[in-house]
Every structure is written in structure tokens, then in C-alpha cells.
Amino acid sequence: MSADQAPLEWSTPLGAIVALTAGGVALGVMGLVISTDPAGRVLVGVAALGLLLTAASAGRQRPRLAVDKEAGGIVVNRLTGRHAYARSDIDRARVVRYPRFGRRVPMLEIDVRTEDGAERLLIFGRWDLGTNPEDVYDALSVHDLVGPNQ
């Protein structure tokens, strides 16, 4: 894959965010309309709020990870805002497989240094990226953003 063909940004699929929002609204409406049990109404309301907050969080962080070709680095969107890291700030990127529900799931780990010299570990899963983390690692390596310690 050439650098021109590689994707430049990754985020939670828009369909998943819409589904979370629709589920949260549906749960909220059903909790108010159908439930006659006060405790059940509270539990359904909390579940609806959880879905809506997850959808808002995923929507706020779009795109979650992007390649900044002009600056030669990456851009990460977090709840606290947009953070850019130059190529020199990236110590290492790698795919690590963690055990989860009886199988090993790939996660993209990126070690970066902030402007004040602090180290930060960024971890992205399939939910964050909307695709296999190994594919994102390959795209980052095409743009020479995986670090020297591979």
C-alpha cells in the first residue's frame, strides 16, 4: 500500500454512534412510558443515559486518530480536546494482543512524549478506530510514524 492509498483518519463508525443514540432515546422513552415500577424506571433511565453519554463521547472524539501529513505526525482527539504529536514525539507504535472474553484482541499502542516532556501511552481498539488496529498500524508505518524501536 502506498502512502497515497493509505487512509488518513480513523474513528468509531457513524452507524454505531447513531445506533447508540437511537437505543438511548428508545430506552428513555420506554422507561417513562411503560415502566410502572419506580426502581425499574430509574434503572432504565440510567441505562439510557449511559448509552447517550457513550454516543456523545464517541461523536465528540471524531476522528479519533488521524495522520497529519503537513506536520508529519498524528492528531488524537480526546474528550479534553485535540492533541497533535510530531514524528519526533512518537517513541513507538505497536500492536499488542490482550486476552478478552477468551480470545486475544489486538490493540494499537502508541508511546508519545508531550510538549512538557511527559510520557503518555495511547491505546486504541477496534471501537476507537472503526477497523482492525493492525491495519491502522500498517498505515502508520507507510507514513513512517511507528517509531524507531520496532
C-alpha atoms as a PDB file:
ATOM      1  CA  MET A   1       0.000   0.000   0.000  1.00  0.00           C
ATOM      2  CA  SER A   2       1.456   3.358  -0.941  1.00  0.00           C
ATOM      3  CA  ALA A   3       1.279   6.475   1.192  1.00  0.00           C
ATOM      4  CA  ASP A   4      -1.296   7.998  -1.169  1.00  0.00           C
ATOM      5  CA  GLN A   5      -3.639   4.993  -0.842  1.00  0.00           C
ATOM      6  CA  ALA A   6      -3.446   4.594   2.950  1.00  0.00           C
ATOM      7  CA  PRO A   7      -6.351   6.006   4.996  1.00  0.00           C
ATOM      8  CA  LEU A   8      -5.501   9.135   6.944  1.00  0.00           C
ATOM      9  CA  GLU A   9      -8.072   9.079   9.759  1.00  0.00           C
ATOM     10  CA  TRP A  10      -9.911   6.552  11.874  1.00  0.00           C
ATOM     11  CA  SER A  11     -12.878   6.822  14.221  1.00  0.00           C
ATOM     12  CA  THR A  12     -15.829   4.962  15.681  1.00  0.00           C
ATOM     13  CA  PRO A  13     -18.250   4.136  12.840  1.00  0.00           C
ATOM     14  CA  LEU A  14     -21.012   6.702  12.470  1.00  0.00           C
ATOM     15  CA  GLY A  15     -23.585   3.893  12.299  1.00  0.00           C
ATOM     16  CA  ALA A  16     -22.569   2.716  15.775  1.00  0.00           C
ATOM     17  CA  ILE A  17     -22.993   6.233  17.167  1.00  0.00           C
ATOM     18  CA  VAL A  18     -26.433   6.532  15.570  1.00  0.00           C
ATOM     19  CA  ALA A  19     -27.421   3.112  16.951  1.00  0.00           C
ATOM     20  CA  LEU A  20     -26.290   4.110  20.460  1.00  0.00           C
ATOM     21  CA  THR A  21     -28.247   7.348  20.256  1.00  0.00           C
ATOM     22  CA  ALA A  22     -31.377   5.596  18.985  1.00  0.00           C
ATOM     23  CA  GLY A  23     -31.077   2.944  21.693  1.00  0.00           C
ATOM     24  CA  GLY A  24     -30.641   5.578  24.398  1.00  0.00           C
ATOM     25  CA  VAL A  25     -33.660   7.546  23.217  1.00  0.00           C
ATOM     26  CA  ALA A  26     -35.768   4.382  22.893  1.00  0.00           C
ATOM     27  CA  LEU A  27     -34.803   3.224  26.385  1.00  0.00           C
ATOM     28  CA  GLY A  28     -35.535   6.653  27.830  1.00  0.00           C
ATOM     29  CA  VAL A  29     -38.968   6.835  26.208  1.00  0.00           C
ATOM     30  CA  MET A  30     -39.865   3.279  27.169  1.00  0.00           C
ATOM     31  CA  GLY A  31     -38.696   3.844  30.725  1.00  0.00           C
ATOM     32  CA  LEU A  32     -41.019   6.825  31.045  1.00  0.00           C
ATOM     33  CA  VAL A  33     -43.987   5.373  29.178  1.00  0.00           C
ATOM     34  CA  ILE A  34     -44.111   1.682  30.032  1.00  0.00           C
ATOM     35  CA  SER A  35     -42.493   1.154  33.421  1.00  0.00           C
ATOM     36  CA  THR A  36     -44.761   1.460  36.452  1.00  0.00           C
ATOM     37  CA  ASP A  37     -42.086   0.319  38.899  1.00  0.00           C
ATOM     38  CA  PRO A  38     -40.103   3.336  40.212  1.00  0.00           C
ATOM     39  CA  ALA A  39     -36.906   1.325  40.707  1.00  0.00           C
ATOM     40  CA  GLY A  40     -37.189  -0.129  37.190  1.00  0.00           C
ATOM     41  CA  ARG A  41     -37.783   3.323  35.761  1.00  0.00           C
ATOM     42  CA  VAL A  42     -34.593   4.595  37.419  1.00  0.00           C
ATOM     43  CA  LEU A  43     -32.549   1.642  36.160  1.00  0.00           C
ATOM     44  CA  VAL A  44     -33.824   2.020  32.598  1.00  0.00           C
ATOM     45  CA  GLY A  45     -33.166   5.771  32.808  1.00  0.00           C
ATOM     46  CA  VAL A  46     -29.591   5.167  33.953  1.00  0.00           C
ATOM     47  CA  ALA A  47     -29.081   2.694  31.090  1.00  0.00           C
ATOM     48  CA  ALA A  48     -30.488   5.224  28.604  1.00  0.00           C
ATOM     49  CA  LEU A  49     -28.218   7.937  29.976  1.00  0.00           C
ATOM     50  CA  GLY A  50     -25.218   5.588  29.708  1.00  0.00           C
ATOM     51  CA  LEU A  51     -25.951   4.902  26.035  1.00  0.00           C
ATOM     52  CA  LEU A  52     -26.415   8.584  25.263  1.00  0.00           C
ATOM     53  CA  LEU A  53     -23.179   9.550  27.061  1.00  0.00           C
ATOM     54  CA  THR A  54     -21.258   6.844  25.189  1.00  0.00           C
ATOM     55  CA  ALA A  55     -22.661   8.108  21.889  1.00  0.00           C
ATOM     56  CA  ALA A  56     -21.805  11.707  22.769  1.00  0.00           C
ATOM     57  CA  SER A  57     -18.275  10.705  23.769  1.00  0.00           C
ATOM     58  CA  ALA A  58     -17.700   8.768  20.539  1.00  0.00           C
ATOM     59  CA  GLY A  59     -19.157  11.614  18.471  1.00  0.00           C
ATOM     60  CA  ARG A  60     -17.051  14.244  20.235  1.00  0.00           C
ATOM     61  CA  GLN A  61     -13.824  12.367  19.502  1.00  0.00           C
ATOM     62  CA  ARG A  62     -14.240  12.015  15.723  1.00  0.00           C
ATOM     63  CA  PRO A  63     -11.825  11.352  14.094  1.00  0.00           C
ATOM     64  CA  ARG A  64     -10.143   9.533  16.963  1.00  0.00           C
ATOM     65  CA  LEU A  65      -6.753   9.205  15.263  1.00  0.00           C
ATOM     66  CA  ALA A  66      -5.514  10.954  12.130  1.00  0.00           C
ATOM     67  CA  VAL A  67      -2.287  11.319  10.201  1.00  0.00           C
ATOM     68  CA  ASP A  68      -1.249  14.941   9.760  1.00  0.00           C
ATOM     69  CA  LYS A  69       0.733  14.823   6.522  1.00  0.00           C
ATOM     70  CA  GLU A  70       1.612  18.525   6.606  1.00  0.00           C
ATOM     71  CA  ALA A  71       3.095  18.451  10.112  1.00  0.00           C
ATOM     72  CA  GLY A  72       4.458  14.931   9.742  1.00  0.00           C
ATOM     73  CA  GLY A  73       2.798  13.454  12.803  1.00  0.00           C
ATOM     74  CA  ILE A  74      -0.503  12.297  14.253  1.00  0.00           C
ATOM     75  CA  VAL A  75      -3.537  14.032  15.706  1.00  0.00           C
ATOM     76  CA  VAL A  76      -5.542  12.409  18.501  1.00  0.00           C
ATOM     77  CA  ASN A  77      -8.986  13.649  19.520  1.00  0.00           C
ATOM     78  CA  ARG A  78      -9.837  13.110  23.167  1.00  0.00           C
ATOM     79  CA  LEU A  79     -12.586  14.419  25.409  1.00  0.00           C
ATOM     80  CA  THR A  80     -10.176  17.101  26.574  1.00  0.00           C
ATOM     81  CA  GLY A  81      -9.577  18.285  23.026  1.00  0.00           C
ATOM     82  CA  ARG A  82      -7.353  17.782  20.030  1.00  0.00           C
ATOM     83  CA  HIS A  83      -3.726  16.801  20.635  1.00  0.00           C
ATOM     84  CA  ALA A  84      -1.074  16.826  17.906  1.00  0.00           C
ATOM     85  CA  TYR A  85       2.151  14.860  18.128  1.00  0.00           C
ATOM     86  CA  ALA A  86       5.023  15.414  15.708  1.00  0.00           C
ATOM     87  CA  ARG A  87       7.020  12.494  14.360  1.00  0.00           C
ATOM     88  CA  SER A  88       9.785  13.285  16.868  1.00  0.00           C
ATOM     89  CA  ASP A  89       7.261  12.957  19.746  1.00  0.00           C
ATOM     90  CA  ILE A  90       6.371   9.362  18.827  1.00  0.00           C
ATOM     91  CA  ASP A  91       8.628   6.919  20.660  1.00  0.00           C
ATOM     92  CA  ARG A  92       6.990   3.718  19.491  1.00  0.00           C
ATOM     93  CA  ALA A  93       3.845   2.275  17.982  1.00  0.00           C
ATOM     94  CA  ARG A  94       2.954  -1.388  18.154  1.00  0.00           C
ATOM     95  CA  VAL A  95       0.072  -3.814  18.085  1.00  0.00           C
ATOM     96  CA  VAL A  96      -0.384  -5.782  21.302  1.00  0.00           C
ATOM     97  CA  ARG A  97      -2.841  -8.647  21.735  1.00  0.00           C
ATOM     98  CA  TYR A  98      -4.717  -8.639  25.048  1.00  0.00           C
ATOM     99  CA  PRO A  99      -6.865 -11.517  26.297  1.00  0.00           C
ATOM    100  CA  ARG A 100     -10.525 -10.581  26.314  1.00  0.00           C
ATOM    101  CA  PHE A 101     -13.539 -12.886  26.644  1.00  0.00           C
ATOM    102  CA  GLY A 102     -11.425 -15.961  25.961  1.00  0.00           C
ATOM    103  CA  ARG A 103      -9.658 -14.657  22.863  1.00  0.00           C
ATOM    104  CA  ARG A 104      -6.784 -12.333  22.120  1.00  0.00           C
ATOM    105  CA  VAL A 105      -7.827  -8.912  20.823  1.00  0.00           C
ATOM    106  CA  PRO A 106      -5.390  -6.560  19.019  1.00  0.00           C
ATOM    107  CA  MET A 107      -4.897  -3.068  20.430  1.00  0.00           C
ATOM    108  CA  LEU A 108      -2.780  -0.300  18.913  1.00  0.00           C
ATOM    109  CA  GLU A 109      -0.404   1.222  21.467  1.00  0.00           C
ATOM    110  CA  ILE A 110       1.436   4.466  20.725  1.00  0.00           C
ATOM    111  CA  ASP A 111       4.037   5.827  23.145  1.00  0.00           C
ATOM    112  CA  VAL A 112       4.370   9.611  22.825  1.00  0.00           C
ATOM    113  CA  ARG A 113       6.040  12.470  24.645  1.00  0.00           C
ATOM    114  CA  THR A 114       4.101  15.655  25.311  1.00  0.00           C
ATOM    115  CA  GLU A 115       5.495  19.176  24.937  1.00  0.00           C
ATOM    116  CA  ASP A 116       6.421  19.274  28.617  1.00  0.00           C
ATOM    117  CA  GLY A 117       8.403  16.016  28.321  1.00  0.00           C
ATOM    118  CA  ALA A 118       5.839  13.748  29.991  1.00  0.00           C
ATOM    119  CA  GLU A 119       5.331  10.286  28.561  1.00  0.00           C
ATOM    120  CA  ARG A 120       1.874   9.183  27.504  1.00  0.00           C
ATOM    121  CA  LEU A 121       0.572   5.817  26.343  1.00  0.00           C
ATOM    122  CA  LEU A 122      -2.274   5.991  23.828  1.00  0.00           C
ATOM    123  CA  ILE A 123      -4.274   2.778  23.395  1.00  0.00           C
ATOM    124  CA  PHE A 124      -6.770   2.308  20.570  1.00  0.00           C
ATOM    125  CA  GLY A 125      -9.057  -0.653  19.998  1.00  0.00           C
ATOM    126  CA  ARG A 126     -11.352  -1.590  17.164  1.00  0.00           C
ATOM    127  CA  TRP A 127     -14.145   0.536  18.678  1.00  0.00           C
ATOM    128  CA  ASP A 128     -11.949   3.656  18.651  1.00  0.00           C
ATOM    129  CA  LEU A 129     -10.591   3.131  15.151  1.00  0.00           C
ATOM    130  CA  GLY A 130     -13.547   1.563  13.345  1.00  0.00           C
ATOM    131  CA  THR A 131     -11.210  -1.010  11.793  1.00  0.00           C
ATOM    132  CA  ASN A 132      -8.614  -3.581  12.738  1.00  0.00           C
ATOM    133  CA  PRO A 133      -5.779  -1.929  14.718  1.00  0.00           C
ATOM    134  CA  GLU A 134      -3.274  -3.922  12.652  1.00  0.00           C
ATOM    135  CA  ASP A 135      -4.485  -2.135   9.506  1.00  0.00           C
ATOM    136  CA  VAL A 136      -4.007   1.233  11.218  1.00  0.00           C
ATOM    137  CA  TYR A 137      -0.500   0.202  12.292  1.00  0.00           C
ATOM    138  CA  ASP A 138       0.288  -0.674   8.667  1.00  0.00           C
ATOM    139  CA  ALA A 139      -0.982   2.733   7.520  1.00  0.00           C
ATOM    140  CA  LEU A 140       1.093   4.489  10.181  1.00  0.00           C
ATOM    141  CA  SER A 141       4.166   2.566   9.094  1.00  0.00           C
ATOM    142  CA  VAL A 142       3.566   3.631   5.475  1.00  0.00           C
ATOM    143  CA  HIS A 143       3.729   7.231   6.719  1.00  0.00           C
ATOM    144  CA  ASP A 144       6.836   6.404   8.821  1.00  0.00           C
ATOM    145  CA  LEU A 145       5.094   7.101  12.142  1.00  0.00           C
ATOM    146  CA  VAL A 146       5.718   3.875  14.081  1.00  0.00           C
ATOM    147  CA  GLY A 147       8.954   4.894  15.789  1.00  0.00           C
ATOM    148  CA  PRO A 148      12.459   3.529  15.717  1.00  0.00           C
ATOM    149  CA  ASN A 149      12.049   0.748  18.291  1.00  0.00           C
ATOM    150  CA  GLN A 150      10.257  -1.823  16.180  1.00  0.00           C
END
